[in-house]
């Protein structure tokens, strides 16, 4: 999985969100950012994870956290996903896979004996100074926000 470890500086990035706006990790300086990587918009696990963050978004915001999702889908795909599920947070379109590669989540996967490259589902909790505080490697898609809250208290 990721070669990044807790305590490492999180790689900065600039990419477009679901609204075509350029977003950088540095835009969230001073806030704790929940940066979650997921394989594909509107698939069962990814939808469960996004909707769990949506349902707990106000609670996370009130504790000072920002939620940012990243996948290799396009801005258009993200916009459709956001609209369909009323997602209140930023979705980054990483079509070039640069962010996935910087975070070490672009990996070889295996489904039904077929190998292919794809995004590993990982969540990084990054403090206001850009340091990785926690990495959740085994994401529970239906309880992703609770996993975060359990870690950060």
Protein backbone atom coordinates (compact mmCIF):
# COMPACT_ATOMS: atom_id res chain seq x y z
CA UNK A 1 0.00 0.00 0.00
CA UNK A 2 1.14 3.53 0.67
CA UNK A 3 4.81 4.16 1.45
CA UNK A 4 3.77 7.25 3.43
CA UNK A 5 3.72 6.89 7.20
CA UNK A 6 2.15 8.71 10.11
CA UNK A 7 4.35 11.72 10.88
CA UNK A 8 5.30 12.29 7.21
CA UNK A 9 4.57 15.58 5.46
CA UNK A 10 1.52 15.04 3.23
CA UNK A 11 2.32 15.58 -0.46
CA UNK A 12 0.77 18.84 -1.67
CA UNK A 13 -1.31 18.76 -4.83
CA UNK A 14 -3.37 21.01 -7.05
CA UNK A 15 -6.21 19.55 -9.11
CA UNK A 16 -9.75 20.37 -10.15
CA UNK A 17 -12.80 19.57 -8.09
CA UNK A 18 -16.31 18.61 -9.21
CA UNK A 19 -17.01 22.28 -10.04
CA UNK A 20 -13.90 22.78 -12.17
CA UNK A 21 -12.27 24.85 -9.41
CA UNK A 22 -8.56 24.36 -8.67
CA UNK A 23 -8.04 22.98 -5.18
CA UNK A 24 -4.75 22.43 -3.34
CA UNK A 25 -4.07 20.61 -0.13
CA UNK A 26 -2.53 23.87 1.10
CA UNK A 27 -6.02 25.47 0.84
CA UNK A 28 -6.87 23.51 4.00
CA UNK A 29 -3.89 24.78 6.03
CA UNK A 30 -4.90 25.26 9.65
CA UNK A 31 -7.66 22.63 9.45
CA UNK A 32 -7.52 18.90 9.97
CA UNK A 33 -8.28 17.31 6.61
CA UNK A 34 -9.80 13.88 6.08
CA UNK A 35 -8.38 13.02 2.65
CA UNK A 36 -10.01 9.84 1.49
CA UNK A 37 -9.13 7.92 -1.67
CA UNK A 38 -11.79 5.74 -3.27
CA UNK A 39 -11.87 3.65 -6.47
CA UNK A 40 -14.91 4.86 -8.44
CA UNK A 41 -17.89 7.21 -8.29
CA UNK A 42 -21.32 5.65 -7.81
CA UNK A 43 -20.21 2.11 -7.06
CA UNK A 44 -21.67 0.39 -3.96
CA UNK A 45 -18.72 0.70 -1.54
CA UNK A 46 -17.73 4.17 -2.71
CA UNK A 47 -21.31 5.41 -2.45
CA UNK A 48 -21.67 3.96 1.07
CA UNK A 49 -18.44 5.69 2.13
CA UNK A 50 -19.37 9.06 0.57
CA UNK A 51 -22.88 8.95 2.04
CA UNK A 52 -21.49 8.10 5.48
CA UNK A 53 -19.23 11.18 5.31
CA UNK A 54 -22.23 13.20 4.06
CA UNK A 55 -24.45 12.03 6.91
CA UNK A 56 -21.80 12.95 9.49
CA UNK A 57 -20.43 16.02 7.70
CA UNK A 58 -21.85 18.66 10.07
CA UNK A 59 -20.51 16.76 13.08
CA UNK A 60 -17.06 16.55 11.46
CA UNK A 61 -17.14 20.25 10.49
CA UNK A 62 -18.13 21.25 14.03
CA UNK A 63 -15.01 19.45 15.28
CA UNK A 64 -12.85 21.40 12.78
CA UNK A 65 -12.41 18.73 10.12
CA UNK A 66 -12.64 19.09 6.35
CA UNK A 67 -13.59 16.13 4.15
CA UNK A 68 -12.01 15.76 0.70
CA UNK A 69 -12.56 12.75 -1.57
CA UNK A 70 -10.16 11.77 -4.35
CA UNK A 71 -10.64 9.35 -7.23
CA UNK A 72 -9.42 9.09 -10.81
CA UNK A 73 -12.91 9.92 -12.14
CA UNK A 74 -13.51 13.10 -14.16
CA UNK A 75 -14.94 16.41 -12.91
CA UNK A 76 -18.15 15.57 -14.80
CA UNK A 77 -18.43 12.16 -13.10
CA UNK A 78 -17.79 13.77 -9.69
CA UNK A 79 -20.45 16.43 -10.35
CA UNK A 80 -23.00 13.74 -11.19
CA UNK A 81 -22.02 11.75 -8.06
CA UNK A 82 -22.22 14.87 -5.88
CA UNK A 83 -25.64 15.85 -7.24
CA UNK A 84 -27.14 12.35 -7.08
CA UNK A 85 -26.14 11.87 -3.43
CA UNK A 86 -26.18 15.52 -2.18
CA UNK A 87 -22.52 15.40 -1.19
CA UNK A 88 -21.50 18.61 0.63
CA UNK A 89 -17.71 18.23 0.33
CA UNK A 90 -14.95 18.56 -2.25
CA UNK A 91 -14.30 15.72 -4.70
CA UNK A 92 -10.94 15.91 -6.48
CA UNK A 93 -10.65 14.63 -10.06
CA UNK A 94 -7.25 12.91 -10.29
CA UNK A 95 -7.50 11.70 -13.88
CA UNK A 96 -3.69 11.93 -14.30
CA UNK A 97 -3.28 9.69 -11.20
CA UNK A 98 -0.55 12.06 -9.91
CA UNK A 99 -2.17 12.42 -6.48
CA UNK A 100 -2.88 8.67 -6.25
CA UNK A 101 0.78 8.00 -7.06
CA UNK A 102 2.10 10.67 -4.64
CA UNK A 103 0.09 9.06 -1.83
CA UNK A 104 1.00 5.52 -2.90
CA UNK A 105 -2.58 4.41 -3.45
CA UNK A 106 -2.32 3.59 -7.19
CA UNK A 107 -1.70 -0.13 -6.83
CA UNK A 108 -2.05 -3.47 -8.54
CA UNK A 109 -5.37 -5.05 -7.61
CA UNK A 110 -6.75 -8.51 -8.19
CA UNK A 111 -10.40 -9.34 -8.85
CA UNK A 112 -11.52 -12.82 -9.80
CA UNK A 113 -7.93 -13.68 -10.73
CA UNK A 114 -7.59 -10.70 -13.08
CA UNK A 115 -4.84 -8.21 -12.21
CA UNK A 116 -5.28 -4.51 -12.94
CA UNK A 117 -4.18 -1.11 -11.64
CA UNK A 118 -6.57 0.85 -9.45
CA UNK A 119 -7.01 3.04 -6.39
CA UNK A 120 -6.60 1.46 -2.97
CA UNK A 121 -9.27 2.68 -0.54
CA UNK A 122 -7.28 4.56 2.11
CA UNK A 123 -8.00 7.54 4.36
CA UNK A 124 -5.34 10.01 5.47
CA UNK A 125 -5.95 12.36 8.39
CA UNK A 126 -3.75 15.41 7.87
CA UNK A 127 -3.29 18.07 10.53
CA UNK A 128 -3.37 21.82 9.96
CA UNK A 129 0.40 21.87 9.37
CA UNK A 130 0.21 19.26 6.59
CA UNK A 131 1.50 16.34 8.66
CA UNK A 132 -0.13 12.91 8.29
CA UNK A 133 -1.53 12.07 11.73
CA UNK A 134 -3.29 8.81 10.88
CA UNK A 135 -3.73 6.44 7.94
CA UNK A 136 -6.76 4.17 7.85
CA UNK A 137 -5.83 1.18 5.71
CA UNK A 138 -8.89 -0.99 6.28
CA UNK A 139 -11.76 1.40 5.63
CA UNK A 140 -15.21 0.35 6.77
CA UNK A 141 -17.24 2.02 4.00
CA UNK A 142 -20.47 2.13 6.01
CA UNK A 143 -18.74 3.58 9.10
CA UNK A 144 -15.87 5.59 7.61
CA UNK A 145 -16.59 8.75 9.59
CA UNK A 146 -16.82 6.80 12.87
CA UNK A 147 -13.43 5.22 12.14
CA UNK A 148 -12.01 8.74 11.81
CA UNK A 149 -13.72 9.96 14.99
CA UNK A 150 -12.50 6.91 16.94
CA UNK A 151 -8.92 7.75 15.93
CA UNK A 152 -8.99 11.47 16.55
CA UNK A 153 -11.27 11.43 19.54
